[in-house]
Structure formats: structure tokens, C-alpha cells
Amino acid sequence: MLLAIFCLFIAVVVVQFLYYVVVFGKFSFAKTHSSTPKNIPISVIVCAKNEEETVSKFIPILAQQDYPNFEIVLIDDASSDATLDIFEEFEQRYANIKLVKVANNEAFWGNKKFALTLGIKAAKNEYLLFTDADCYPVSKNWISEMSANFTLQKSIVLGYSGYEKSGTFLNKIIRFETLLTAVQYFSWSKMGRPYMGVGRNLAYKREEFFRVRGFMDHMKIRSGDDDLFINQAANAKNTTICLNPESFTVSIPKKNVKEWLIQKRRHIATSEYYKLFDKVQLSVFYFSQISFFILAILLLAFQFNWIAVVSTIAFRYIFTWIILGFGAGKLKEKDVVFWFPLLEITLLVCQFYCYLVNLFTKPVQWK
């Protein structure tokens, strides 16, 4: 029996090796190429609901981008605070800001996709660049770097968005999860199987939006304006990634565990609507992570050839640490890699908890 468990343990490590080295290595070891600025007209789209504190700080940062031809489309999704008032002040202050006011709609109440659809239709340019109201670019060259990746073939650009750093353990978990997710979707994109992107840093041509009927196929799902859209619209021919550090954006992370878990529950619930291949590969990866720890504990508890078991564990940590280390270097997140073993276990437990809770209740709105 223990020999069979050990063989299964070896098989799980092999699966992990294939994911990390064969798939994730496509991203972690890839050379970063710089693209020539295109200076094409860009519409930056920001959707906000009750974000008075963040928009007052971050919209001026967007307005100061070093780019010759861009507009900012600000969408107020029926805010009940001063967000709309602040947006109206910005519209008066900046000539390139356009305001879209979204009133409460009984059929689409609390649905960010409806608000984004109105903003996309109001944008005057064909090339669209998205970020969130609680997010800001790390440099004045954000628009330039993201738009430089558009070509005649590439009409979807996946960017990276991290989180502000602090010394708390929760902050490390949030940033580690963001790093691991980015390594996954960047890697699969380089493998020709793009399956998601993040709306905090995402660009695409408007024709891609209308080609798949916008969000219509998943409008009733309150989340997924970014990943479900990319899962539907992206393919090997039309999608590329942007890894220039000046193209990164930064968001404000959740300050307590409860809020972060609610956010994770929403993300997990959304992934259930991915294409079959994407759901299977994500499930296999997660199952291999869980199985690795369970089988390792069983083998060590029953004292099965501890030298072979420990050697296998060490081998697994060597290749995972190396791959994530190189990936973290590209995304400027090296500090979280030092905490990798503890963060990985903690994240797995949190994800399992979110999955169990989602079996009984579903998060229903974005704000």
C-alpha cells in the first residue's frame, strides 16, 4: 500500500514538473522584448462605483500619461457617494476626459458589465485600454508600452497588475496569489492557449468586443468582465502579452481577510464558466498541489523510505522555486518568493475554503 502511495506521489510530482517547467517555464525563461511605440489613438476606460477616495488620487495620474493621443472615459456606475461629483470636476478640468453616467437599471443593477458596455460604446477610439478605479500605472509610459504591442494580428494585449506592498502576511498572500495567477495566464498565452486576463491592465480593439457580442453570453454572471471575456475572445493568433515594467499597474490590496476571501470567492465562481480545457488544466494543477502535500504527509507519517520521500520533496521545491523566482523577477515580486512554502500552503487552504463556501452561496455583485 505504501509503495503504491509513493508511486502516486512520484506521479503527482511529475505532473507538477510538467506544469512548472514545460508550461510556466515558457514565461519565466522567456526573453523580454521591447516594442516600438505605435502612437495610435487610445481610449482609457475606467469604471467606478463608490470609489470617491481612490478616483480623486488616481485619475490625475492617468491624465498625466506621456502619450500624444488618448482620451479617458470615466464611467460612474450609479455611485451613492461623491464619485460622480469628482468625475464631473475632472471632466471640466481635463479636455480629454469623457464622462459616462450610468443610472440604476432594474435588469442590470450592480452589473459592471452593463456599465462597461456603455463606456465602450461611448469611446471614440478603436483601441481600448482598461484599468480599475482603485488602480494606477507605475509610470507615465503605461499607455505607450501597452499600446506598442498592438499589431495587425495582435488585437488583445494582456498586462500585469500587482498590489501595493506592505509588511503584513495578508499582503504577502495577496501578492503571491497575484504572482502565481499571472505566471499561469502569461505562460498559457505563450503556449497559444490564452484563457484569462485582469481588467486592472488589459487592452483590446473594440472590434474584438463586438465580434463576441460583448458580454452578452455571460451578462447574467456579475463578475468576469475581464477573464470571461478573454476566455471567449482570445486565441493564439490575436493575443499577446506585455512585460515591460513600465507597463505595470498597481492596485490597493484588501486590508482584511474577510474582504479578500469574498474577492477570491468571486474569482473562483467565475472560473467555473471557462472553456472545458481551461477548467481541466486549472483543476489538475490545483489537485496536484493539494495531493503533493497530502501524500507527502502520509508517507512521512508512516515512515516510508524517508530518504526517497524527502529527496522527492526537495526536488519538487527546487524546480518550483526556480521557475517562480524567474517569473517573480520579471514581475518585480521577488520578495514574496522567499516565503513560497508557507504562502503556497496558506493559499491552498484559503482556496479550498472558498470553493466549499461557494457550493452553498454565490457572490452576486461587484460592489
Protein backbone atom coordinates (compact mmCIF):
# COMPACT_ATOMS: atom_id res chain seq x y z
CA MET A 1 0.00 0.00 0.00
CA LEU A 2 2.73 2.48 0.94
CA LEU A 3 4.64 1.64 -2.23
CA ALA A 4 1.52 2.43 -4.28
CA ILE A 5 1.13 5.74 -2.43
CA PHE A 6 4.77 6.56 -3.14
CA CYS A 7 4.28 5.79 -6.86
CA LEU A 8 1.26 8.08 -6.86
CA PHE A 9 3.37 10.70 -5.06
CA ILE A 10 6.01 10.45 -7.83
CA ALA A 11 3.29 10.81 -10.47
CA VAL A 12 1.98 13.97 -8.78
CA VAL A 13 5.48 15.48 -8.71
CA VAL A 14 5.87 14.64 -12.41
CA VAL A 15 2.60 16.50 -13.14
CA GLN A 16 3.90 19.47 -11.15
CA PHE A 17 7.18 19.30 -13.06
CA LEU A 18 5.32 19.41 -16.38
CA TYR A 19 3.28 22.42 -15.27
CA TYR A 20 6.16 24.42 -13.82
CA VAL A 21 8.98 23.57 -16.22
CA VAL A 22 7.19 22.88 -19.52
CA VAL A 23 4.33 25.39 -19.22
CA PHE A 24 5.34 28.06 -16.71
CA GLY A 25 8.93 27.94 -17.95
CA LYS A 26 7.66 29.34 -21.25
CA PHE A 27 7.07 32.59 -19.40
CA SER A 28 9.71 32.52 -16.67
CA PHE A 29 12.63 31.85 -19.04
CA ALA A 30 11.36 33.87 -21.98
CA LYS A 31 13.30 36.90 -23.13
CA THR A 32 11.53 40.23 -22.67
CA HIS A 33 11.31 42.10 -25.95
CA SER A 34 10.65 45.82 -26.23
CA SER A 35 8.11 47.01 -28.78
CA THR A 36 8.21 50.16 -30.87
CA PRO A 37 5.66 52.77 -29.72
CA LYS A 38 2.73 53.00 -32.15
CA ASN A 39 1.16 56.32 -31.05
CA ILE A 40 -2.24 55.03 -32.11
CA PRO A 41 -5.33 56.76 -30.64
CA ILE A 42 -6.22 55.09 -27.31
CA SER A 43 -9.31 55.27 -25.10
CA VAL A 44 -8.52 54.52 -21.46
CA ILE A 45 -11.64 53.17 -19.76
CA VAL A 46 -12.21 53.32 -16.00
CA CYS A 47 -15.41 52.10 -14.35
CA ALA A 48 -16.10 53.17 -10.76
CA LYS A 49 -18.78 52.55 -8.17
CA ASN A 50 -18.45 54.33 -4.82
CA GLU A 51 -14.72 55.00 -5.20
CA GLU A 52 -14.51 58.65 -4.13
CA GLU A 53 -11.22 58.21 -2.23
CA THR A 54 -9.32 56.36 -4.92
CA VAL A 55 -10.51 58.24 -8.01
CA SER A 56 -9.55 61.59 -6.53
CA LYS A 57 -5.95 60.32 -6.23
CA PHE A 58 -5.54 58.11 -9.27
CA ILE A 59 -7.40 59.77 -12.16
CA PRO A 60 -4.93 62.70 -12.23
CA ILE A 61 -2.14 60.11 -12.58
CA LEU A 62 -3.88 58.74 -15.67
CA ALA A 63 -4.34 62.23 -17.06
CA GLN A 64 -0.57 62.82 -16.80
CA GLN A 65 0.38 59.93 -19.08
CA ASP A 66 3.08 60.77 -21.62
CA TYR A 67 1.15 59.84 -24.74
CA PRO A 68 0.20 62.08 -27.67
CA ASN A 69 -3.33 60.91 -28.43
CA PHE A 70 -5.59 59.46 -25.75
CA GLU A 71 -8.88 60.06 -24.03
CA ILE A 72 -10.05 58.87 -20.62
CA VAL A 73 -13.59 57.50 -20.42
CA LEU A 74 -14.79 57.69 -16.82
CA ILE A 75 -17.86 55.56 -16.07
CA ASP A 76 -19.83 56.22 -12.91
CA ASP A 77 -21.91 53.15 -12.17
CA ALA A 78 -24.70 54.73 -10.12
CA SER A 79 -22.45 55.64 -7.20
CA SER A 80 -24.08 56.70 -3.95
CA ASP A 81 -21.05 58.64 -2.70
CA ALA A 82 -19.22 61.62 -4.23
CA THR A 83 -17.65 59.66 -7.12
CA LEU A 84 -19.87 61.29 -9.75
CA ASP A 85 -19.17 64.80 -8.40
CA ILE A 86 -15.42 64.14 -8.58
CA PHE A 87 -15.74 62.80 -12.13
CA GLU A 88 -17.66 65.89 -13.19
CA GLU A 89 -14.87 68.09 -11.79
CA PHE A 90 -12.28 66.09 -13.74
CA GLU A 91 -14.35 66.40 -16.91
CA GLN A 92 -14.23 70.18 -16.53
CA ARG A 93 -10.51 70.20 -15.70
CA TYR A 94 -9.19 67.89 -18.45
CA ALA A 95 -10.14 68.29 -22.08
CA ASN A 96 -9.52 64.63 -22.89
CA ILE A 97 -11.85 63.22 -20.21
CA LYS A 98 -15.30 61.98 -21.18
CA LEU A 99 -17.89 61.09 -18.53
CA VAL A 100 -20.46 58.32 -18.84
CA LYS A 101 -23.21 58.33 -16.22
CA VAL A 102 -24.93 55.01 -15.58
CA ALA A 103 -28.27 55.13 -13.79
CA ASN A 104 -29.64 52.20 -11.80
CA ASN A 105 -31.25 49.72 -14.15
CA GLU A 106 -33.53 47.04 -12.71
CA ALA A 107 -32.38 44.43 -15.23
CA PHE A 108 -28.66 45.17 -14.80
CA TRP A 109 -28.45 46.51 -11.24
CA GLY A 110 -24.97 46.11 -9.77
CA ASN A 111 -23.62 44.70 -13.05
CA LYS A 112 -20.27 46.16 -14.01
CA LYS A 113 -20.53 44.62 -17.48
CA PHE A 114 -23.53 46.78 -18.34
CA ALA A 115 -21.68 49.92 -17.25
CA LEU A 116 -18.54 48.92 -19.17
CA THR A 117 -20.59 48.25 -22.29
CA LEU A 118 -21.92 51.82 -22.21
CA GLY A 119 -18.38 53.13 -21.74
CA ILE A 120 -17.00 51.05 -24.60
CA LYS A 121 -19.74 52.33 -26.91
CA ALA A 122 -19.04 55.92 -25.85
CA ALA A 123 -15.28 55.68 -26.50
CA LYS A 124 -14.22 57.48 -29.66
CA ASN A 125 -11.15 55.32 -30.38
CA GLU A 126 -10.95 51.73 -31.61
CA TYR A 127 -8.11 50.75 -29.31
CA LEU A 128 -9.23 50.39 -25.69
CA LEU A 129 -7.10 50.19 -22.54
CA PHE A 130 -8.72 49.20 -19.25
CA THR A 131 -7.87 49.71 -15.61
CA ASP A 132 -9.81 49.89 -12.35
CA ALA A 133 -10.72 52.90 -10.22
CA ASP A 134 -8.51 51.68 -7.36
CA CYS A 135 -5.55 51.14 -9.67
CA TYR A 136 -2.79 53.33 -11.10
CA PRO A 137 0.11 52.88 -13.56
CA VAL A 138 3.66 52.77 -12.22
CA SER A 139 5.00 55.08 -14.93
CA LYS A 140 3.95 57.79 -17.38
CA ASN A 141 4.68 55.36 -20.20
CA TRP A 142 1.91 52.87 -19.35
CA ILE A 143 -0.26 53.72 -22.36
CA SER A 144 2.76 53.83 -24.65
CA GLU A 145 4.07 50.43 -23.55
CA MET A 146 0.72 48.63 -23.62
CA SER A 147 -0.35 50.08 -26.98
CA ALA A 148 3.05 49.28 -28.54
CA ASN A 149 2.09 45.60 -28.54
CA PHE A 150 -0.82 46.04 -30.93
CA THR A 151 -0.11 44.79 -34.45
CA LEU A 152 -2.18 43.87 -37.49
CA GLN A 153 -2.56 40.38 -35.98
CA LYS A 154 -2.44 41.08 -32.24
CA SER A 155 -5.60 42.86 -31.10
CA ILE A 156 -5.62 41.76 -27.44
CA VAL A 157 -2.83 42.70 -25.00
CA LEU A 158 -2.60 41.13 -21.55
CA GLY A 159 -0.77 43.25 -18.96
CA TYR A 160 0.34 42.77 -15.38
CA SER A 161 -1.21 44.44 -12.36
CA GLY A 162 0.27 43.92 -8.91
CA TYR A 163 -0.62 45.24 -5.49
CA GLU A 164 0.93 47.83 -3.21
CA LYS A 165 3.43 46.28 -0.84
CA SER A 166 3.23 46.26 2.94
CA GLY A 167 4.71 44.16 5.72
CA THR A 168 1.61 42.15 6.63
CA PHE A 169 1.26 38.43 5.99
CA LEU A 170 -2.08 39.01 4.25
CA ASN A 171 -0.35 41.37 1.82
CA LYS A 172 2.19 38.66 1.01
CA ILE A 173 -0.57 36.11 0.38
CA ILE A 174 -2.42 38.52 -1.91
CA ARG A 175 0.70 39.34 -3.89
CA PHE A 176 1.80 35.70 -4.07
CA GLU A 177 -1.60 34.66 -5.41
CA THR A 178 -1.43 37.50 -7.95
CA LEU A 179 2.08 36.41 -9.00
CA LEU A 180 1.09 32.75 -9.40
CA THR A 181 -2.04 33.66 -11.36
CA ALA A 182 -0.04 35.95 -13.67
CA VAL A 183 2.61 33.29 -14.28
CA GLN A 184 -0.18 30.91 -15.24
CA TYR A 185 -2.10 33.11 -17.66
CA PHE A 186 1.04 34.60 -19.22
CA SER A 187 2.50 31.11 -19.69
CA TRP A 188 -0.61 29.64 -21.28
CA SER A 189 -0.81 32.67 -23.54
CA LYS A 190 2.73 31.97 -24.73
CA MET A 191 1.68 28.33 -25.24
CA GLY A 192 -1.06 29.57 -27.58
CA ARG A 193 -3.89 28.94 -25.08
CA PRO A 194 -4.74 32.34 -23.52
CA TYR A 195 -7.55 31.86 -21.02
CA MET A 196 -7.81 34.99 -18.88
CA GLY A 197 -6.59 38.50 -18.20
CA VAL A 198 -7.14 41.08 -15.47
CA GLY A 199 -9.24 44.20 -16.01
CA ARG A 200 -6.76 46.25 -14.00
CA ASN A 201 -4.42 46.16 -17.00
CA LEU A 202 -5.93 44.92 -20.23
CA ALA A 203 -6.16 46.25 -23.79
CA TYR A 204 -8.06 45.21 -26.89
CA LYS A 205 -9.54 46.54 -30.10
CA ARG A 206 -13.22 47.35 -29.94
CA GLU A 207 -13.86 45.02 -32.89
CA GLU A 208 -12.94 42.08 -30.62
CA PHE A 209 -15.62 43.19 -28.19
CA PHE A 210 -18.35 43.25 -30.82
CA ARG A 211 -17.08 40.09 -32.54
CA VAL A 212 -18.13 38.04 -29.48
CA ARG A 213 -21.23 40.19 -28.79
CA GLY A 214 -19.51 41.89 -25.87
CA PHE A 215 -20.57 40.44 -22.54
CA MET A 216 -23.92 39.15 -23.76
CA ASP A 217 -23.11 35.45 -23.40
CA HIS A 218 -22.25 35.91 -19.71
CA MET A 219 -24.05 39.15 -18.81
CA LYS A 220 -26.03 37.43 -16.04
CA ILE A 221 -22.78 36.45 -14.32
CA ARG A 222 -21.95 39.52 -12.27
CA SER A 223 -18.17 39.06 -12.43
CA GLY A 224 -15.88 38.15 -15.32
CA ASP A 225 -15.82 41.35 -17.38
CA ASP A 226 -12.12 40.62 -17.86
CA ASP A 227 -11.41 36.88 -17.58
CA LEU A 228 -14.65 35.55 -19.10
CA PHE A 229 -14.33 38.00 -21.98
CA ILE A 230 -10.71 36.96 -22.62
CA ASN A 231 -11.64 33.29 -22.24
CA GLN A 232 -14.16 33.76 -25.02
CA ALA A 233 -12.36 36.21 -27.33
CA ALA A 234 -8.65 35.40 -27.03
CA ASN A 235 -6.74 32.89 -29.13
CA ALA A 236 -3.19 32.17 -30.23
CA LYS A 237 -3.41 34.48 -33.24
CA ASN A 238 -4.94 37.62 -31.73
CA THR A 239 -3.39 37.73 -28.23
CA THR A 240 -0.03 38.86 -26.89
CA ILE A 241 1.42 39.89 -23.52
CA CYS A 242 3.24 43.00 -22.29
CA LEU A 243 6.02 42.52 -19.73
CA ASN A 244 7.81 45.85 -19.78
CA PRO A 245 7.94 47.03 -16.12
CA GLU A 246 6.77 50.48 -17.21
CA SER A 247 3.52 48.90 -18.41
CA PHE A 248 2.60 47.55 -14.95
CA THR A 249 -0.20 48.91 -12.82
CA VAL A 250 -0.65 48.72 -9.06
CA SER A 251 -3.82 48.27 -7.05
CA ILE A 252 -4.74 48.81 -3.44
CA PRO A 253 -5.00 45.37 -1.77
CA LYS A 254 -7.70 44.28 0.63
CA LYS A 255 -6.94 45.22 4.20
CA ASN A 256 -8.62 42.28 5.97
CA VAL A 257 -9.00 38.58 5.36
CA LYS A 258 -12.80 38.67 5.07
CA GLU A 259 -12.80 41.14 2.17
CA TRP A 260 -10.05 39.24 0.38
CA LEU A 261 -11.85 35.90 0.74
CA ILE A 262 -15.01 37.44 -0.72
CA GLN A 263 -12.94 38.61 -3.68
CA LYS A 264 -11.41 35.14 -4.09
CA ARG A 265 -14.83 33.50 -3.90
CA ARG A 266 -15.97 35.70 -6.78
CA HIS A 267 -12.92 34.75 -8.86
CA ILE A 268 -13.36 31.03 -8.20
CA ALA A 269 -17.07 31.19 -9.03
CA THR A 270 -16.26 32.93 -12.31
CA SER A 271 -13.70 30.29 -13.36
CA GLU A 272 -16.49 27.70 -13.43
CA TYR A 273 -17.62 29.28 -16.72
CA TYR A 274 -14.27 28.93 -18.51
CA LYS A 275 -13.87 26.70 -21.55
CA LEU A 276 -13.55 22.99 -20.74
CA PHE A 277 -9.82 22.78 -21.46
CA ASP A 278 -9.08 25.74 -19.20
CA LYS A 279 -11.20 24.38 -16.35
CA VAL A 280 -9.49 20.99 -16.64
CA GLN A 281 -5.92 22.33 -16.69
CA LEU A 282 -6.60 24.63 -13.72
CA SER A 283 -8.26 21.80 -11.78
CA VAL A 284 -5.41 19.38 -12.49
CA PHE A 285 -2.86 21.94 -11.34
CA TYR A 286 -4.73 22.68 -8.11
CA PHE A 287 -5.36 18.97 -7.44
CA SER A 288 -1.67 18.20 -7.96
CA GLN A 289 -0.74 20.88 -5.42
CA ILE A 290 -3.14 19.51 -2.80
CA SER A 291 -2.17 15.91 -3.50
CA PHE A 292 1.52 16.68 -3.11
CA PHE A 293 1.08 17.81 0.49
CA ILE A 294 -1.39 15.09 1.47
CA LEU A 295 0.73 12.26 0.06
CA ALA A 296 3.96 13.69 1.48
CA ILE A 297 2.42 13.85 4.98
CA LEU A 298 1.10 10.28 4.69
CA LEU A 299 4.43 8.87 3.55
CA LEU A 300 6.39 10.68 6.26
CA ALA A 301 3.85 9.78 8.95
CA PHE A 302 4.16 6.06 8.12
CA GLN A 303 7.94 6.35 7.77
CA PHE A 304 8.15 5.04 4.22
CA ASN A 305 11.74 5.27 2.95
CA TRP A 306 12.15 8.80 4.28
CA ILE A 307 15.29 9.41 2.18
CA ALA A 308 13.36 8.85 -1.07
CA VAL A 309 10.40 10.89 0.14
CA VAL A 310 12.47 13.82 1.38
CA SER A 311 14.57 13.77 -1.80
CA THR A 312 11.41 13.94 -3.92
CA ILE A 313 10.05 16.79 -1.81
CA ALA A 314 13.36 18.65 -2.14
CA PHE A 315 13.39 18.10 -5.92
CA ARG A 316 9.88 19.48 -6.20
CA TYR A 317 10.75 22.60 -4.23
CA ILE A 318 13.91 23.19 -6.23
CA PHE A 319 12.19 23.39 -9.61
CA THR A 320 9.12 25.27 -8.34
CA TRP A 321 11.27 27.83 -6.54
CA ILE A 322 13.48 28.36 -9.59
CA ILE A 323 10.58 28.80 -12.01
CA LEU A 324 8.62 31.11 -9.71
CA GLY A 325 11.80 33.02 -8.89
CA PHE A 326 12.47 33.86 -12.53
CA GLY A 327 8.81 34.72 -13.06
CA ALA A 328 8.77 36.92 -9.97
CA GLY A 329 11.87 38.70 -11.23
CA LYS A 330 10.07 39.64 -14.44
CA LEU A 331 7.07 40.93 -12.48
CA LYS A 332 9.06 42.70 -9.74
CA GLU A 333 7.68 40.44 -6.99
CA LYS A 334 10.85 38.68 -5.84
CA ASP A 335 10.31 39.30 -2.14
CA VAL A 336 7.26 37.01 -1.89
CA VAL A 337 9.17 34.06 -3.34
CA PHE A 338 11.25 33.78 -0.16
CA TRP A 339 8.00 32.93 1.67
CA PHE A 340 6.91 30.48 -1.02
CA PRO A 341 6.38 27.24 1.02
CA LEU A 342 4.27 28.92 3.71
CA LEU A 343 2.36 31.12 1.26
CA GLU A 344 1.58 28.19 -1.03
CA ILE A 345 0.06 26.09 1.76
CA THR A 346 -1.92 29.03 3.14
CA LEU A 347 -3.26 29.93 -0.30
CA LEU A 348 -4.33 26.33 -0.97
CA VAL A 349 -6.27 26.22 2.28
CA CYS A 350 -7.97 29.55 1.51
CA GLN A 351 -8.88 28.43 -2.00
CA PHE A 352 -10.35 25.18 -0.69
CA TYR A 353 -12.40 27.14 1.85
CA CYS A 354 -13.71 29.48 -0.87
CA TYR A 355 -14.64 26.53 -3.05
CA LEU A 356 -16.61 24.88 -0.22
CA VAL A 357 -18.46 28.09 0.67
CA ASN A 358 -19.32 28.67 -2.99
CA LEU A 359 -21.10 25.31 -3.07
CA PHE A 360 -23.77 26.82 -0.83
CA THR A 361 -23.78 30.55 -1.61
CA LYS A 362 -22.56 32.65 -4.55
CA PRO A 363 -21.23 36.22 -4.52
CA VAL A 364 -23.61 38.20 -6.72
CA GLN A 365 -22.36 41.72 -7.40
CA TRP A 366 -19.14 43.63 -7.94
CA LYS A 367 -19.73 46.35 -5.32
